[in-house]
Amino acid sequence: MLFGWLPPVFGLGIAEFFSRQSRAKTGAAEEVFRGADSEWLIAYCNERLKKESVDFFIFGHRHLPIDWELTSTPAVVRYINLGDWIRYYSYAVLDGSQLSLRFFTDQQHKLISNRQNA
């Protein structure tokens, strides 16, 4: 309850501090994209596509902004990872038919994608 009384800039600083401490203790390095063949969420999506029809898979677990085309025929199916709001300031927008991954800031952020028009 006391945390809610802090100005957001202090709250974000505290959250980032504890996040860094947690990664240091667990040995988790900064996340990197290891290629489609090594990404377990892409493998999971491909397995699900064998069982059912899906337009988009949307995750936030990897903390990397990823827009990956899984199939193009008979229809385009994409794996979207939202990234995070602390480092990349990324989010997704669905306008009713199109899904896009966007960034709150004007800074140059790397979007991991295999799509031609991403």
Protein backbone atom coordinates (compact mmCIF):
# COMPACT_ATOMS: atom_id res chain seq x y z
CA MET A 1 0.00 0.00 0.00
CA LEU A 2 2.82 2.42 0.78
CA PHE A 3 4.37 1.70 -2.63
CA GLY A 4 1.34 3.34 -4.29
CA TRP A 5 2.09 6.64 -2.53
CA LEU A 6 5.49 6.95 -4.19
CA PRO A 7 5.82 9.07 -7.32
CA PRO A 8 6.04 6.81 -10.41
CA VAL A 9 9.69 7.71 -11.07
CA PHE A 10 10.67 6.27 -7.66
CA GLY A 11 8.46 3.21 -8.13
CA LEU A 12 10.05 2.44 -11.50
CA GLY A 13 13.52 2.88 -10.05
CA ILE A 14 12.77 0.49 -7.20
CA ALA A 15 11.21 -2.07 -9.57
CA GLU A 16 14.20 -1.87 -11.92
CA PHE A 17 16.63 -2.25 -8.99
CA PHE A 18 14.94 -5.42 -7.73
CA SER A 19 14.66 -6.78 -11.26
CA ARG A 20 18.43 -6.36 -11.73
CA GLN A 21 19.10 -7.97 -8.35
CA SER A 22 16.90 -10.93 -9.26
CA ARG A 23 18.68 -11.45 -12.60
CA ALA A 24 22.06 -11.21 -10.88
CA LYS A 25 21.09 -13.87 -8.31
CA THR A 26 19.62 -16.28 -10.84
CA GLY A 27 22.40 -15.71 -13.37
CA ALA A 28 19.90 -14.57 -15.99
CA ALA A 29 21.67 -12.48 -18.59
CA GLU A 30 20.00 -9.90 -20.78
CA GLU A 31 17.62 -11.65 -23.09
CA VAL A 32 18.65 -12.13 -26.70
CA PHE A 33 16.86 -13.64 -29.66
CA ARG A 34 18.56 -16.97 -30.38
CA GLY A 35 16.98 -17.62 -33.78
CA ALA A 36 13.65 -19.20 -34.67
CA ASP A 37 14.96 -22.75 -34.27
CA SER A 38 16.07 -22.05 -30.68
CA GLU A 39 13.08 -20.04 -29.44
CA TRP A 40 10.81 -22.25 -27.34
CA LEU A 41 7.77 -19.98 -27.79
CA ILE A 42 8.05 -20.22 -31.58
CA ALA A 43 8.28 -24.01 -31.26
CA TYR A 44 5.21 -23.96 -29.02
CA CYS A 45 3.27 -21.85 -31.55
CA ASN A 46 4.20 -24.19 -34.40
CA GLU A 47 2.97 -27.18 -32.38
CA ARG A 48 -0.34 -25.44 -31.62
CA LEU A 49 -0.81 -24.64 -35.31
CA LYS A 50 -0.81 -28.38 -36.04
CA LYS A 51 -3.92 -28.70 -33.86
CA GLU A 52 -5.91 -25.53 -34.47
CA SER A 53 -6.25 -22.43 -36.61
CA VAL A 54 -4.91 -19.22 -35.04
CA ASP A 55 -4.37 -15.69 -36.39
CA PHE A 56 -1.94 -14.39 -33.76
CA PHE A 57 0.00 -15.72 -30.81
CA ILE A 58 0.62 -12.88 -28.35
CA PHE A 59 3.06 -13.26 -25.46
CA GLY A 60 4.96 -11.03 -23.08
CA HIS A 61 7.20 -13.61 -21.45
CA ARG A 62 10.41 -13.01 -23.43
CA HIS A 63 10.60 -9.25 -22.77
CA LEU A 64 11.84 -8.71 -26.34
CA PRO A 65 9.79 -6.94 -29.04
CA ILE A 66 9.30 -9.73 -31.60
CA ASP A 67 7.00 -9.88 -34.64
CA TRP A 68 7.62 -13.26 -36.28
CA GLU A 69 5.70 -14.67 -39.23
CA LEU A 70 5.13 -18.38 -38.58
CA THR A 71 3.27 -19.19 -41.80
CA SER A 72 2.20 -17.33 -44.89
CA THR A 73 -0.06 -19.94 -46.49
CA PRO A 74 -2.93 -20.50 -46.43
CA ALA A 75 -2.99 -17.42 -44.16
CA VAL A 76 -0.41 -15.32 -42.35
CA VAL A 77 0.02 -16.40 -38.73
CA ARG A 78 2.27 -14.32 -36.48
CA TYR A 79 3.97 -14.75 -33.13
CA ILE A 80 4.04 -11.41 -31.30
CA ASN A 81 6.04 -10.82 -28.17
CA LEU A 82 5.17 -7.50 -26.58
CA GLY A 83 8.61 -6.68 -25.26
CA ASP A 84 8.45 -4.61 -22.09
CA TRP A 85 7.56 -1.12 -20.95
CA ILE A 86 10.74 -0.47 -18.95
CA ARG A 87 13.45 -1.01 -21.58
CA TYR A 88 11.67 -0.93 -24.96
CA TYR A 89 8.45 0.98 -24.19
CA SER A 90 6.66 -1.40 -26.55
CA TYR A 91 3.02 -2.37 -26.89
CA ALA A 92 0.63 -3.89 -29.43
CA VAL A 93 -2.37 -2.36 -31.17
CA LEU A 94 -5.18 -4.36 -32.77
CA ASP A 95 -7.37 -2.15 -34.94
CA GLY A 96 -9.98 -4.84 -35.56
CA SER A 97 -8.07 -6.72 -38.24
CA GLN A 98 -4.42 -5.61 -38.22
CA LEU A 99 -2.04 -6.11 -35.31
CA SER A 100 1.05 -3.93 -34.98
CA LEU A 101 3.84 -3.70 -32.46
CA ARG A 102 4.62 -0.08 -31.52
CA PHE A 103 6.88 1.93 -29.24
CA PHE A 104 5.94 4.82 -26.93
CA THR A 105 9.21 6.66 -27.49
CA ASP A 106 10.86 8.07 -30.60
CA GLN A 107 14.13 6.34 -29.72
CA GLN A 108 15.38 3.77 -32.18
CA HIS A 109 14.36 0.37 -30.83
CA LYS A 110 15.24 -2.92 -32.41
CA LEU A 111 12.21 -4.92 -33.47
CA ILE A 112 13.07 -8.58 -34.05
CA SER A 113 11.18 -9.64 -37.15
CA ASN A 114 11.32 -11.81 -40.24
CA ARG A 115 8.49 -9.89 -41.92
CA GLN A 116 9.21 -7.80 -45.02
CA ASN A 117 6.94 -4.90 -44.04
CA ALA A 118 7.39 -4.93 -40.26
